[in-house]
Amino acid sequence: MKNNPVVPYILILAFGIGLIFFMSLQGADNKKEIAAEQEGGGETTEANDDGSALVQTCIGCHGGDLTGGVGPSLHGLDEARIVDVLTNGIEGTPMTPGMKNEAEAKAIAEYISTLK
């Protein structure tokens, strides 16, 4: 009996459709949380945070240990420079003005300065 070469593709298609269905159910369950976050009413980090939670937004570009990735290493940077970049941005990069408020930027800068 000869194997049909189309069967694996059909299985992958069925798995993909099923995955999309279950992911949409998950999104429907979380729609109130998602709407609150988009309106700015989601969970916020307090300004008196030590910066470790706030720095999570940096990991995507600067790497898990902030030693560089798409963006440069943050280790050894001056705290004032970090605050300036987070509040004023860098033209021509993903670091847009107003990414963090002054208190958040200071907390992040203080936290990054403690990293070795």
PDB file of N, CA and C in Angstrom:
ATOM      1  N   MET A   1       0.847  -1.180   0.000  1.00  0.00           N
ATOM      2  CA  MET A   1       0.000   0.000   0.000  1.00  0.00           C
ATOM      3  C   MET A   1       0.894   1.245   0.000  1.00  0.00           C
ATOM      4  N   LYS A   2       0.593   2.182  -0.853  1.00  0.00           N
ATOM      5  CA  LYS A   2       1.406   3.375  -1.038  1.00  0.00           C
ATOM      6  C   LYS A   2       0.931   4.492  -0.092  1.00  0.00           C
ATOM      7  N   ASN A   3       1.905   5.189   0.552  1.00  0.00           N
ATOM      8  CA  ASN A   3       1.581   6.314   1.438  1.00  0.00           C
ATOM      9  C   ASN A   3       1.245   7.550   0.615  1.00  0.00           C
ATOM     10  N   ASN A   4       0.239   8.270   1.053  1.00  0.00           N
ATOM     11  CA  ASN A   4      -0.163   9.494   0.378  1.00  0.00           C
ATOM     12  C   ASN A   4       0.705  10.641   0.903  1.00  0.00           C
ATOM     13  N   PRO A   5       1.464  11.356   0.066  1.00  0.00           N
ATOM     14  CA  PRO A   5       2.345  12.430   0.533  1.00  0.00           C
ATOM     15  C   PRO A   5       1.597  13.673   1.006  1.00  0.00           C
ATOM     16  N   VAL A   6       0.306  13.746   0.796  1.00  0.00           N
ATOM     17  CA  VAL A   6      -0.484  14.913   1.185  1.00  0.00           C
ATOM     18  C   VAL A   6      -0.920  14.828   2.648  1.00  0.00           C
ATOM     19  N   VAL A   7      -0.942  13.649   3.215  1.00  0.00           N
ATOM     20  CA  VAL A   7      -1.445  13.440   4.575  1.00  0.00           C
ATOM     21  C   VAL A   7      -0.712  14.303   5.610  1.00  0.00           C
ATOM     22  N   PRO A   8       0.623  14.384   5.610  1.00  0.00           N
ATOM     23  CA  PRO A   8       1.280  15.246   6.617  1.00  0.00           C
ATOM     24  C   PRO A   8       0.849  16.708   6.524  1.00  0.00           C
ATOM     25  N   TYR A   9       0.641  17.186   5.319  1.00  0.00           N
ATOM     26  CA  TYR A   9       0.217  18.572   5.135  1.00  0.00           C
ATOM     27  C   TYR A   9      -1.203  18.802   5.660  1.00  0.00           C
ATOM     28  N   ILE A  10      -2.040  17.832   5.468  1.00  0.00           N
ATOM     29  CA  ILE A  10      -3.408  17.924   5.988  1.00  0.00           C
ATOM     30  C   ILE A  10      -3.397  17.912   7.508  1.00  0.00           C
ATOM     31  N   LEU A  11      -2.539  17.079   8.101  1.00  0.00           N
ATOM     32  CA  LEU A  11      -2.430  17.037   9.561  1.00  0.00           C
ATOM     33  C   LEU A  11      -1.918  18.364  10.116  1.00  0.00           C
ATOM     34  N   ILE A  12      -0.924  18.939   9.462  1.00  0.00           N
ATOM     35  CA  ILE A  12      -0.393  20.236   9.898  1.00  0.00           C
ATOM     36  C   ILE A  12      -1.461  21.313   9.774  1.00  0.00           C
ATOM     37  N   LEU A  13      -2.211  21.293   8.694  1.00  0.00           N
ATOM     38  CA  LEU A  13      -3.303  22.250   8.496  1.00  0.00           C
ATOM     39  C   LEU A  13      -4.345  22.117   9.607  1.00  0.00           C
ATOM     40  N   ALA A  14      -4.732  20.892   9.915  1.00  0.00           N
ATOM     41  CA  ALA A  14      -5.734  20.664  10.965  1.00  0.00           C
ATOM     42  C   ALA A  14      -5.203  21.127  12.323  1.00  0.00           C
ATOM     43  N   PHE A  15      -3.937  20.821  12.603  1.00  0.00           N
ATOM     44  CA  PHE A  15      -3.335  21.260  13.864  1.00  0.00           C
ATOM     45  C   PHE A  15      -3.307  22.790  13.948  1.00  0.00           C
ATOM     46  N   GLY A  16      -2.941  23.448  12.851  1.00  0.00           N
ATOM     47  CA  GLY A  16      -2.889  24.910  12.835  1.00  0.00           C
ATOM     48  C   GLY A  16      -4.253  25.542  13.052  1.00  0.00           C
ATOM     49  N   ILE A  17      -5.265  25.005  12.407  1.00  0.00           N
ATOM     50  CA  ILE A  17      -6.622  25.527  12.588  1.00  0.00           C
ATOM     51  C   ILE A  17      -7.082  25.325  14.025  1.00  0.00           C
ATOM     52  N   GLY A  18      -6.779  24.160  14.584  1.00  0.00           N
ATOM     53  CA  GLY A  18      -7.138  23.895  15.985  1.00  0.00           C
ATOM     54  C   GLY A  18      -6.422  24.839  16.932  1.00  0.00           C
ATOM     55  N   LEU A  19      -5.139  25.083  16.676  1.00  0.00           N
ATOM     56  CA  LEU A  19      -4.366  25.995  17.515  1.00  0.00           C
ATOM     57  C   LEU A  19      -4.925  27.412  17.454  1.00  0.00           C
ATOM     58  N   ILE A  20      -5.267  27.868  16.277  1.00  0.00           N
ATOM     59  CA  ILE A  20      -5.865  29.198  16.123  1.00  0.00           C
ATOM     60  C   ILE A  20      -7.182  29.278  16.893  1.00  0.00           C
ATOM     61  N   PHE A  21      -7.980  28.241  16.815  1.00  0.00           N
ATOM     62  CA  PHE A  21      -9.263  28.213  17.521  1.00  0.00           C
ATOM     63  C   PHE A  21      -9.050  28.335  19.032  1.00  0.00           C
ATOM     64  N   PHE A  22      -8.157  27.532  19.576  1.00  0.00           N
ATOM     65  CA  PHE A  22      -7.932  27.568  21.025  1.00  0.00           C
ATOM     66  C   PHE A  22      -7.279  28.872  21.474  1.00  0.00           C
ATOM     67  N   MET A  23      -6.408  29.438  20.652  1.00  0.00           N
ATOM     68  CA  MET A  23      -5.800  30.723  21.003  1.00  0.00           C
ATOM     69  C   MET A  23      -6.839  31.836  20.991  1.00  0.00           C
ATOM     70  N   SER A  24      -7.794  31.770  20.069  1.00  0.00           N
ATOM     71  CA  SER A  24      -8.841  32.799  20.037  1.00  0.00           C
ATOM     72  C   SER A  24      -9.748  32.676  21.253  1.00  0.00           C
ATOM     73  N   LEU A  25      -9.977  31.454  21.725  1.00  0.00           N
ATOM     74  CA  LEU A  25     -10.754  31.277  22.957  1.00  0.00           C
ATOM     75  C   LEU A  25     -10.022  31.886  24.142  1.00  0.00           C
ATOM     76  N   GLN A  26      -8.707  31.690  24.194  1.00  0.00           N
ATOM     77  CA  GLN A  26      -7.902  32.267  25.273  1.00  0.00           C
ATOM     78  C   GLN A  26      -7.988  33.787  25.222  1.00  0.00           C
ATOM     79  N   GLY A  27      -7.903  34.354  24.033  1.00  0.00           N
ATOM     80  CA  GLY A  27      -8.011  35.809  23.891  1.00  0.00           C
ATOM     81  C   GLY A  27      -9.378  36.322  24.297  1.00  0.00           C
ATOM     82  N   ALA A  28     -10.421  35.563  23.974  1.00  0.00           N
ATOM     83  CA  ALA A  28     -11.774  35.966  24.354  1.00  0.00           C
ATOM     84  C   ALA A  28     -11.928  35.949  25.871  1.00  0.00           C
ATOM     85  N   ASP A  29     -11.287  34.992  26.518  1.00  0.00           N
ATOM     86  CA  ASP A  29     -11.349  34.933  27.978  1.00  0.00           C
ATOM     87  C   ASP A  29     -10.640  36.118  28.625  1.00  0.00           C
ATOM     88  N   ASN A  30      -9.619  36.637  27.958  1.00  0.00           N
ATOM     89  CA  ASN A  30      -8.825  37.723  28.528  1.00  0.00           C
ATOM     90  C   ASN A  30      -9.166  39.089  27.938  1.00  0.00           C
ATOM     91  N   LYS A  31     -10.294  39.215  27.249  1.00  0.00           N
ATOM     92  CA  LYS A  31     -10.576  40.462  26.541  1.00  0.00           C
ATOM     93  C   LYS A  31     -10.714  41.660  27.470  1.00  0.00           C
ATOM     94  N   LYS A  32     -11.230  41.464  28.677  1.00  0.00           N
ATOM     95  CA  LYS A  32     -11.352  42.595  29.601  1.00  0.00           C
ATOM     96  C   LYS A  32      -9.974  43.079  30.041  1.00  0.00           C
ATOM     97  N   GLU A  33      -9.062  42.147  30.332  1.00  0.00           N
ATOM     98  CA  GLU A  33      -7.705  42.525  30.717  1.00  0.00           C
ATOM     99  C   GLU A  33      -6.991  43.234  29.574  1.00  0.00           C
ATOM    100  N   ILE A  34      -7.142  42.716  28.368  1.00  0.00           N
ATOM    101  CA  ILE A  34      -6.498  43.307  27.202  1.00  0.00           C
ATOM    102  C   ILE A  34      -7.030  44.714  26.956  1.00  0.00           C
ATOM    103  N   ALA A  35      -8.326  44.901  27.052  1.00  0.00           N
ATOM    104  CA  ALA A  35      -8.922  46.223  26.850  1.00  0.00           C
ATOM    105  C   ALA A  35      -8.440  47.200  27.914  1.00  0.00           C
ATOM    106  N   ALA A  36      -8.338  46.744  29.165  1.00  0.00           N
ATOM    107  CA  ALA A  36      -7.874  47.614  30.240  1.00  0.00           C
ATOM    108  C   ALA A  36      -6.421  48.036  30.012  1.00  0.00           C
ATOM    109  N   GLU A  37      -5.585  47.125  29.538  1.00  0.00           N
ATOM    110  CA  GLU A  37      -4.192  47.456  29.273  1.00  0.00           C
ATOM    111  C   GLU A  37      -4.074  48.453  28.133  1.00  0.00           C
ATOM    112  N   GLN A  38      -4.882  48.294  27.099  1.00  0.00           N
ATOM    113  CA  GLN A  38      -4.820  49.206  25.964  1.00  0.00           C
ATOM    114  C   GLN A  38      -5.316  50.595  26.332  1.00  0.00           C
ATOM    115  N   GLU A  39      -6.199  50.681  27.290  1.00  0.00           N
ATOM    116  CA  GLU A  39      -6.707  51.977  27.731  1.00  0.00           C
ATOM    117  C   GLU A  39      -5.834  52.583  28.811  1.00  0.00           C
ATOM    118  N   GLY A  40      -4.772  51.884  29.199  1.00  0.00           N
ATOM    119  CA  GLY A  40      -3.892  52.395  30.242  1.00  0.00           C
ATOM    120  C   GLY A  40      -4.371  52.066  31.628  1.00  0.00           C
ATOM    121  N   GLY A  41      -5.413  51.281  31.747  1.00  0.00           N
ATOM    122  CA  GLY A  41      -5.940  50.929  33.056  1.00  0.00           C
ATOM    123  C   GLY A  41      -5.501  49.568  33.525  1.00  0.00           C
ATOM    124  N   GLY A  42      -4.563  48.978  32.807  1.00  0.00           N
ATOM    125  CA  GLY A  42      -4.072  47.657  33.183  1.00  0.00           C
ATOM    126  C   GLY A  42      -3.171  47.742  34.393  1.00  0.00           C
ATOM    127  N   GLU A  43      -2.547  46.646  34.668  1.00  0.00           N
ATOM    128  CA  GLU A  43      -1.655  46.579  35.823  1.00  0.00           C
ATOM    129  C   GLU A  43      -0.481  47.509  35.580  1.00  0.00           C
ATOM    130  N   THR A  44      -0.205  48.371  36.520  1.00  0.00           N
ATOM    131  CA  THR A  44       0.904  49.298  36.384  1.00  0.00           C
ATOM    132  C   THR A  44       1.932  49.013  37.459  1.00  0.00           C
ATOM    133  N   THR A  45       3.141  49.446  37.200  1.00  0.00           N
ATOM    134  CA  THR A  45       4.220  49.263  38.152  1.00  0.00           C
ATOM    135  C   THR A  45       4.391  50.563  38.914  1.00  0.00           C
ATOM    136  N   GLU A  46       4.519  50.442  40.190  1.00  0.00           N
ATOM    137  CA  GLU A  46       4.687  51.632  41.023  1.00  0.00           C
ATOM    138  C   GLU A  46       6.029  52.294  40.746  1.00  0.00           C
ATOM    139  N   ALA A  47       6.086  53.601  40.882  1.00  0.00           N
ATOM    140  CA  ALA A  47       7.308  54.351  40.635  1.00  0.00           C
ATOM    141  C   ALA A  47       8.383  54.009  41.654  1.00  0.00           C
ATOM    142  N   ASN A  48       7.992  53.520  42.836  1.00  0.00           N
ATOM    143  CA  ASN A  48       8.984  53.185  43.848  1.00  0.00           C
ATOM    144  C   ASN A  48       9.525  51.772  43.666  1.00  0.00           C
ATOM    145  N   ASP A  49       9.197  51.123  42.549  1.00  0.00           N
ATOM    146  CA  ASP A  49       9.730  49.809  42.224  1.00  0.00           C
ATOM    147  C   ASP A  49      11.242  49.923  42.096  1.00  0.00           C
ATOM    148  N   ASP A  50      11.949  48.838  42.410  1.00  0.00           N
ATOM    149  CA  ASP A  50      13.406  48.873  42.317  1.00  0.00           C
ATOM    150  C   ASP A  50      13.908  48.833  40.882  1.00  0.00           C
ATOM    151  N   GLY A  51      13.029  48.763  39.921  1.00  0.00           N
ATOM    152  CA  GLY A  51      13.419  48.792  38.519  1.00  0.00           C
ATOM    153  C   GLY A  51      13.489  47.422  37.883  1.00  0.00           C
ATOM    154  N   SER A  52      13.570  46.358  38.689  1.00  0.00           N
ATOM    155  CA  SER A  52      13.705  45.022  38.121  1.00  0.00           C
ATOM    156  C   SER A  52      12.476  44.610  37.322  1.00  0.00           C
ATOM    157  N   ALA A  53      11.288  45.029  37.736  1.00  0.00           N
ATOM    158  CA  ALA A  53      10.078  44.716  36.973  1.00  0.00           C
ATOM    159  C   ALA A  53       9.966  45.632  35.758  1.00  0.00           C
ATOM    160  N   LEU A  54      10.346  46.876  35.916  1.00  0.00           N
ATOM    161  CA  LEU A  54      10.257  47.838  34.819  1.00  0.00           C
ATOM    162  C   LEU A  54      11.212  47.494  33.682  1.00  0.00           C
ATOM    163  N   VAL A  55      12.347  46.909  34.015  1.00  0.00           N
ATOM    164  CA  VAL A  55      13.363  46.623  33.008  1.00  0.00           C
ATOM    165  C   VAL A  55      12.947  45.471  32.089  1.00  0.00           C
ATOM    166  N   GLN A  56      11.857  44.782  32.403  1.00  0.00           N
ATOM    167  CA  GLN A  56      11.381  43.681  31.557  1.00  0.00           C
ATOM    168  C   GLN A  56      11.088  44.146  30.137  1.00  0.00           C
ATOM    169  N   THR A  57      10.695  45.395  29.974  1.00  0.00           N
ATOM    170  CA  THR A  57      10.415  45.902  28.627  1.00  0.00           C
ATOM    171  C   THR A  57      11.687  46.093  27.813  1.00  0.00           C
ATOM    172  N   CYS A  58      12.839  46.106  28.456  1.00  0.00           N
ATOM    173  CA  CYS A  58      14.117  46.322  27.774  1.00  0.00           C
ATOM    174  C   CYS A  58      14.694  45.022  27.214  1.00  0.00           C
ATOM    175  N   ILE A  59      14.266  43.900  27.777  1.00  0.00           N
ATOM    176  CA  ILE A  59      14.865  42.613  27.458  1.00  0.00           C
ATOM    177  C   ILE A  59      14.711  42.242  25.990  1.00  0.00           C
ATOM    178  N   GLY A  60      13.603  42.609  25.367  1.00  0.00           N
ATOM    179  CA  GLY A  60      13.370  42.246  23.976  1.00  0.00           C
ATOM    180  C   GLY A  60      14.479  42.697  23.043  1.00  0.00           C
ATOM    181  N   CYS A  61      15.032  43.876  23.272  1.00  0.00           N
ATOM    182  CA  CYS A  61      16.082  44.399  22.389  1.00  0.00           C
ATOM    183  C   CYS A  61      17.486  44.279  22.982  1.00  0.00           C
ATOM    184  N   HIS A  62      17.584  44.375  24.291  1.00  0.00           N
ATOM    185  CA  HIS A  62      18.904  44.426  24.927  1.00  0.00           C
ATOM    186  C   HIS A  62      19.337  43.097  25.534  1.00  0.00           C
ATOM    187  N   GLY A  63      18.534  42.056  25.352  1.00  0.00           N
ATOM    188  CA  GLY A  63      18.898  40.721  25.833  1.00  0.00           C
ATOM    189  C   GLY A  63      18.466  40.476  27.258  1.00  0.00           C
ATOM    190  N   GLY A  64      18.353  39.196  27.614  1.00  0.00           N
ATOM    191  CA  GLY A  64      17.879  38.796  28.939  1.00  0.00           C
ATOM    192  C   GLY A  64      18.735  39.317  30.076  1.00  0.00           C
ATOM    193  N   ASP A  65      20.036  39.423  29.848  1.00  0.00           N
ATOM    194  CA  ASP A  65      20.922  39.941  30.889  1.00  0.00           C
ATOM    195  C   ASP A  65      21.368  41.371  30.588  1.00  0.00           C
ATOM    196  N   LEU A  66      20.719  41.984  29.599  1.00  0.00           N
ATOM    197  CA  LEU A  66      20.954  43.376  29.189  1.00  0.00           C
ATOM    198  C   LEU A  66      22.376  43.628  28.698  1.00  0.00           C
ATOM    199  N   THR A  67      23.043  42.564  28.213  1.00  0.00           N
ATOM    200  CA  THR A  67      24.397  42.724  27.679  1.00  0.00           C
ATOM    201  C   THR A  67      24.386  42.942  26.178  1.00  0.00           C
ATOM    202  N   GLY A  68      23.218  43.095  25.597  1.00  0.00           N
ATOM    203  CA  GLY A  68      23.123  43.401  24.180  1.00  0.00           C
ATOM    204  C   GLY A  68      22.370  42.343  23.413  1.00  0.00           C
ATOM    205  N   GLY A  69      21.823  42.746  22.349  1.00  0.00           N
ATOM    206  CA  GLY A  69      21.062  41.897  21.443  1.00  0.00           C
ATOM    207  C   GLY A  69      20.897  42.727  20.189  1.00  0.00           C
ATOM    208  N   VAL A  70      19.658  43.078  19.876  1.00  0.00           N
ATOM    209  CA  VAL A  70      19.403  44.015  18.783  1.00  0.00           C
ATOM    210  C   VAL A  70      19.934  45.391  19.190  1.00  0.00           C
ATOM    211  N   GLY A  71      19.711  45.722  20.466  1.00  0.00           N
ATOM    212  CA  GLY A  71      20.222  46.977  21.017  1.00  0.00           C
ATOM    213  C   GLY A  71      21.542  46.732  21.726  1.00  0.00           C
ATOM    214  N   PRO A  72      22.240  47.794  22.106  1.00  0.00           N
ATOM    215  CA  PRO A  72      23.549  47.646  22.748  1.00  0.00           C
ATOM    216  C   PRO A  72      23.446  47.180  24.200  1.00  0.00           C
ATOM    217  N   SER A  73      24.581  46.827  24.761  1.00  0.00           N
ATOM    218  CA  SER A  73      24.651  46.457  26.172  1.00  0.00           C
ATOM    219  C   SER A  73      24.311  47.675  27.030  1.00  0.00           C
ATOM    220  N   LEU A  74      23.584  47.441  28.109  1.00  0.00           N
ATOM    221  CA  LEU A  74      23.234  48.531  29.019  1.00  0.00           C
ATOM    222  C   LEU A  74      24.162  48.586  30.225  1.00  0.00           C
ATOM    223  N   HIS A  75      25.009  47.590  30.372  1.00  0.00           N
ATOM    224  CA  HIS A  75      25.937  47.559  31.498  1.00  0.00           C
ATOM    225  C   HIS A  75      26.969  48.674  31.355  1.00  0.00           C
ATOM    226  N   GLY A  76      27.236  49.360  32.437  1.00  0.00           N
ATOM    227  CA  GLY A  76      28.248  50.404  32.451  1.00  0.00           C
ATOM    228  C   GLY A  76      27.777  51.759  31.953  1.00  0.00           C
ATOM    229  N   LEU A  77      26.510  51.875  31.587  1.00  0.00           N
ATOM    230  CA  LEU A  77      26.010  53.173  31.132  1.00  0.00           C
ATOM    231  C   LEU A  77      25.760  54.089  32.323  1.00  0.00           C
ATOM    232  N   ASP A  78      25.948  55.360  32.100  1.00  0.00           N
ATOM    233  CA  ASP A  78      25.693  56.376  33.113  1.00  0.00           C
ATOM    234  C   ASP A  78      24.186  56.460  33.387  1.00  0.00           C
ATOM    235  N   GLU A  79      23.811  56.564  34.663  1.00  0.00           N
ATOM    236  CA  GLU A  79      22.386  56.638  35.025  1.00  0.00           C
ATOM    237  C   GLU A  79      21.688  57.808  34.338  1.00  0.00           C
ATOM    238  N   ALA A  80      22.352  58.942  34.263  1.00  0.00           N
ATOM    239  CA  ALA A  80      21.742  60.117  33.636  1.00  0.00           C
ATOM    240  C   ALA A  80      21.470  59.854  32.153  1.00  0.00           C
ATOM    241  N   ARG A  81      22.358  59.117  31.490  1.00  0.00           N
ATOM    242  CA  ARG A  81      22.158  58.795  30.071  1.00  0.00           C
ATOM    243  C   ARG A  81      20.960  57.872  29.897  1.00  0.00           C
ATOM    244  N   ILE A  82      20.814  56.897  30.784  1.00  0.00           N
ATOM    245  CA  ILE A  82      19.682  55.973  30.705  1.00  0.00           C
ATOM    246  C   ILE A  82      18.372  56.732  30.880  1.00  0.00           C
ATOM    247  N   VAL A  83      18.324  57.608  31.868  1.00  0.00           N
ATOM    248  CA  VAL A  83      17.116  58.404  32.117  1.00  0.00           C
ATOM    249  C   VAL A  83      16.811  59.279  30.900  1.00  0.00           C
ATOM    250  N   ASP A  84      17.840  59.898  30.338  1.00  0.00           N
ATOM    251  CA  ASP A  84      17.651  60.755  29.172  1.00  0.00           C
ATOM    252  C   ASP A  84      17.083  59.970  27.988  1.00  0.00           C
ATOM    253  N   VAL A  85      17.628  58.786  27.718  1.00  0.00           N
ATOM    254  CA  VAL A  85      17.166  57.985  26.578  1.00  0.00           C
ATOM    255  C   VAL A  85      15.743  57.503  26.803  1.00  0.00           C
ATOM    256  N   LEU A  86      15.427  57.058  28.019  1.00  0.00           N
ATOM    257  CA  LEU A  86      14.082  56.547  28.291  1.00  0.00           C
ATOM    258  C   LEU A  86      13.017  57.634  28.237  1.00  0.00           C
ATOM    259  N   THR A  87      13.380  58.847  28.559  1.00  0.00           N
ATOM    260  CA  THR A  87      12.392  59.928  28.545  1.00  0.00           C
ATOM    261  C   THR A  87      12.378  60.689  27.222  1.00  0.00           C
ATOM    262  N   ASN A  88      13.554  60.856  26.582  1.00  0.00           N
ATOM    263  CA  ASN A  88      13.648  61.656  25.355  1.00  0.00           C
ATOM    264  C   ASN A  88      13.856  60.840  24.091  1.00  0.00           C
ATOM    265  N   GLY A  89      14.241  59.575  24.229  1.00  0.00           N
ATOM    266  CA  GLY A  89      14.433  58.702  23.083  1.00  0.00           C
ATOM    267  C   GLY A  89      15.712  58.991  22.325  1.00  0.00           C
ATOM    268  N   ILE A  90      15.926  58.212  21.261  1.00  0.00           N
ATOM    269  CA  ILE A  90      17.055  58.394  20.351  1.00  0.00           C
ATOM    270  C   ILE A  90      16.475  58.365  18.946  1.00  0.00           C
ATOM    271  N   GLU A  91      16.632  59.452  18.217  1.00  0.00           N
ATOM    272  CA  GLU A  91      16.044  59.556  16.883  1.00  0.00           C
ATOM    273  C   GLU A  91      16.584  58.464  15.964  1.00  0.00           C
ATOM    274  N   GLY A  92      15.699  57.880  15.192  1.00  0.00           N
ATOM    275  CA  GLY A  92      16.081  56.860  14.231  1.00  0.00           C
ATOM    276  C   GLY A  92      16.212  55.464  14.816  1.00  0.00           C
ATOM    277  N   THR A  93      15.806  55.300  16.071  1.00  0.00           N
ATOM    278  CA  THR A  93      15.862  53.986  16.716  1.00  0.00           C
ATOM    279  C   THR A  93      14.496  53.678  17.323  1.00  0.00           C
ATOM    280  N   PRO A  94      14.309  52.443  17.788  1.00  0.00           N
ATOM    281  CA  PRO A  94      13.050  52.119  18.470  1.00  0.00           C
ATOM    282  C   PRO A  94      12.884  52.838  19.822  1.00  0.00           C
ATOM    283  N   MET A  95      13.924  53.502  20.289  1.00  0.00           N
ATOM    284  CA  MET A  95      13.847  54.232  21.553  1.00  0.00           C
ATOM    285  C   MET A  95      13.151  55.564  21.305  1.00  0.00           C
ATOM    286  N   THR A  96      11.816  55.542  21.396  1.00  0.00           N
ATOM    287  CA  THR A  96      11.019  56.730  21.112  1.00  0.00           C
ATOM    288  C   THR A  96      10.873  57.602  22.360  1.00  0.00           C
ATOM    289  N   PRO A  97      10.656  58.893  22.187  1.00  0.00           N
ATOM    290  CA  PRO A  97      10.454  59.773  23.337  1.00  0.00           C
ATOM    291  C   PRO A  97       9.240  59.337  24.162  1.00  0.00           C
ATOM    292  N   GLY A  98       9.353  59.457  25.475  1.00  0.00           N
ATOM    293  CA  GLY A  98       8.246  59.163  26.371  1.00  0.00           C
ATOM    294  C   GLY A  98       8.021  57.685  26.637  1.00  0.00           C
ATOM    295  N   MET A  99       9.033  56.854  26.417  1.00  0.00           N
ATOM    296  CA  MET A  99       8.851  55.418  26.672  1.00  0.00           C
ATOM    297  C   MET A  99       8.530  55.171  28.145  1.00  0.00           C
ATOM    298  N   LYS A 100       9.160  55.919  29.004  1.00  0.00           N
ATOM    299  CA  LYS A 100       8.929  55.814  30.451  1.00  0.00           C
ATOM    300  C   LYS A 100       8.830  57.217  31.016  1.00  0.00           C
ATOM    301  N   ASN A 101       8.083  57.332  32.143  1.00  0.00           N
ATOM    302  CA  ASN A 101       8.050  58.629  32.805  1.00  0.00           C
ATOM    303  C   ASN A 101       9.334  58.791  33.625  1.00  0.00           C
ATOM    304  N   GLU A 102       9.538  59.958  34.162  1.00  0.00           N
ATOM    305  CA  GLU A 102      10.783  60.283  34.876  1.00  0.00           C
ATOM    306  C   GLU A 102      11.046  59.323  36.038  1.00  0.00           C
ATOM    307  N   ALA A 103      10.024  59.024  36.831  1.00  0.00           N
ATOM    308  CA  ALA A 103      10.207  58.143  37.992  1.00  0.00           C
ATOM    309  C   ALA A 103      10.569  56.726  37.561  1.00  0.00           C
ATOM    310  N   GLU A 104       9.892  56.229  36.532  1.00  0.00           N
ATOM    311  CA  GLU A 104      10.201  54.886  36.031  1.00  0.00           C
ATOM    312  C   GLU A 104      11.610  54.841  35.445  1.00  0.00           C
ATOM    313  N   ALA A 105      11.972  55.875  34.688  1.00  0.00           N
ATOM    314  CA  ALA A 105      13.298  55.932  34.080  1.00  0.00           C
ATOM    315  C   ALA A 105      14.391  55.939  35.148  1.00  0.00           C
ATOM    316  N   LYS A 106      14.182  56.683  36.219  1.00  0.00           N
ATOM    317  CA  LYS A 106      15.174  56.718  37.304  1.00  0.00           C
ATOM    318  C   LYS A 106      15.283  55.359  37.991  1.00  0.00           C
ATOM    319  N   ALA A 107      14.145  54.704  38.217  1.00  0.00           N
ATOM    320  CA  ALA A 107      14.162  53.380  38.850  1.00  0.00           C
ATOM    321  C   ALA A 107      14.911  52.375  37.974  1.00  0.00           C
ATOM    322  N   ILE A 108      14.670  52.419  36.666  1.00  0.00           N
ATOM    323  CA  ILE A 108      15.367  51.525  35.745  1.00  0.00           C
ATOM    324  C   ILE A 108      16.862  51.822  35.731  1.00  0.00           C
ATOM    325  N   ALA A 109      17.221  53.089  35.676  1.00  0.00           N
ATOM    326  CA  ALA A 109      18.631  53.478  35.660  1.00  0.00           C
ATOM    327  C   ALA A 109      19.355  53.018  36.922  1.00  0.00           C
ATOM    328  N   GLU A 110      18.699  53.177  38.063  1.00  0.00           N
ATOM    329  CA  GLU A 110      19.298  52.733  39.316  1.00  0.00           C
ATOM    330  C   GLU A 110      19.488  51.232  39.328  1.00  0.00           C
ATOM    331  N   TYR A 111      18.494  50.505  38.832  1.00  0.00           N
ATOM    332  CA  TYR A 111      18.595  49.049  38.796  1.00  0.00           C
ATOM    333  C   TYR A 111      19.708  48.596  37.852  1.00  0.00           C
ATOM    334  N   ILE A 112      19.785  49.182  36.661  1.00  0.00           N
ATOM    335  CA  ILE A 112      20.807  48.788  35.693  1.00  0.00           C
ATOM    336  C   ILE A 112      22.191  49.087  36.221  1.00  0.00           C
ATOM    337  N   SER A 113      22.349  50.166  36.969  1.00  0.00           N
ATOM    338  CA  SER A 113      23.670  50.509  37.503  1.00  0.00           C
ATOM    339  C   SER A 113      24.152  49.496  38.540  1.00  0.00           C
ATOM    340  N   THR A 114      23.250  48.683  39.090  1.00  0.00           N
ATOM    341  CA  THR A 114      23.659  47.665  40.077  1.00  0.00           C
ATOM    342  C   THR A 114      24.078  46.373  39.405  1.00  0.00           C
ATOM    343  N   LEU A 115      23.818  46.211  38.119  1.00  0.00           N
ATOM    344  CA  LEU A 115      24.147  44.969  37.414  1.00  0.00           C
ATOM    345  C   LEU A 115      25.646  44.875  37.175  1.00  0.00           C
ATOM    346  N   LYS A 116      26.140  43.687  37.252  1.00  0.00           N
ATOM    347  CA  LYS A 116      27.582  43.446  37.010  1.00  0.00           C
ATOM    348  C   LYS A 116      27.770  42.803  35.669  1.00  0.00           C
TER     349      LYS A 116
END
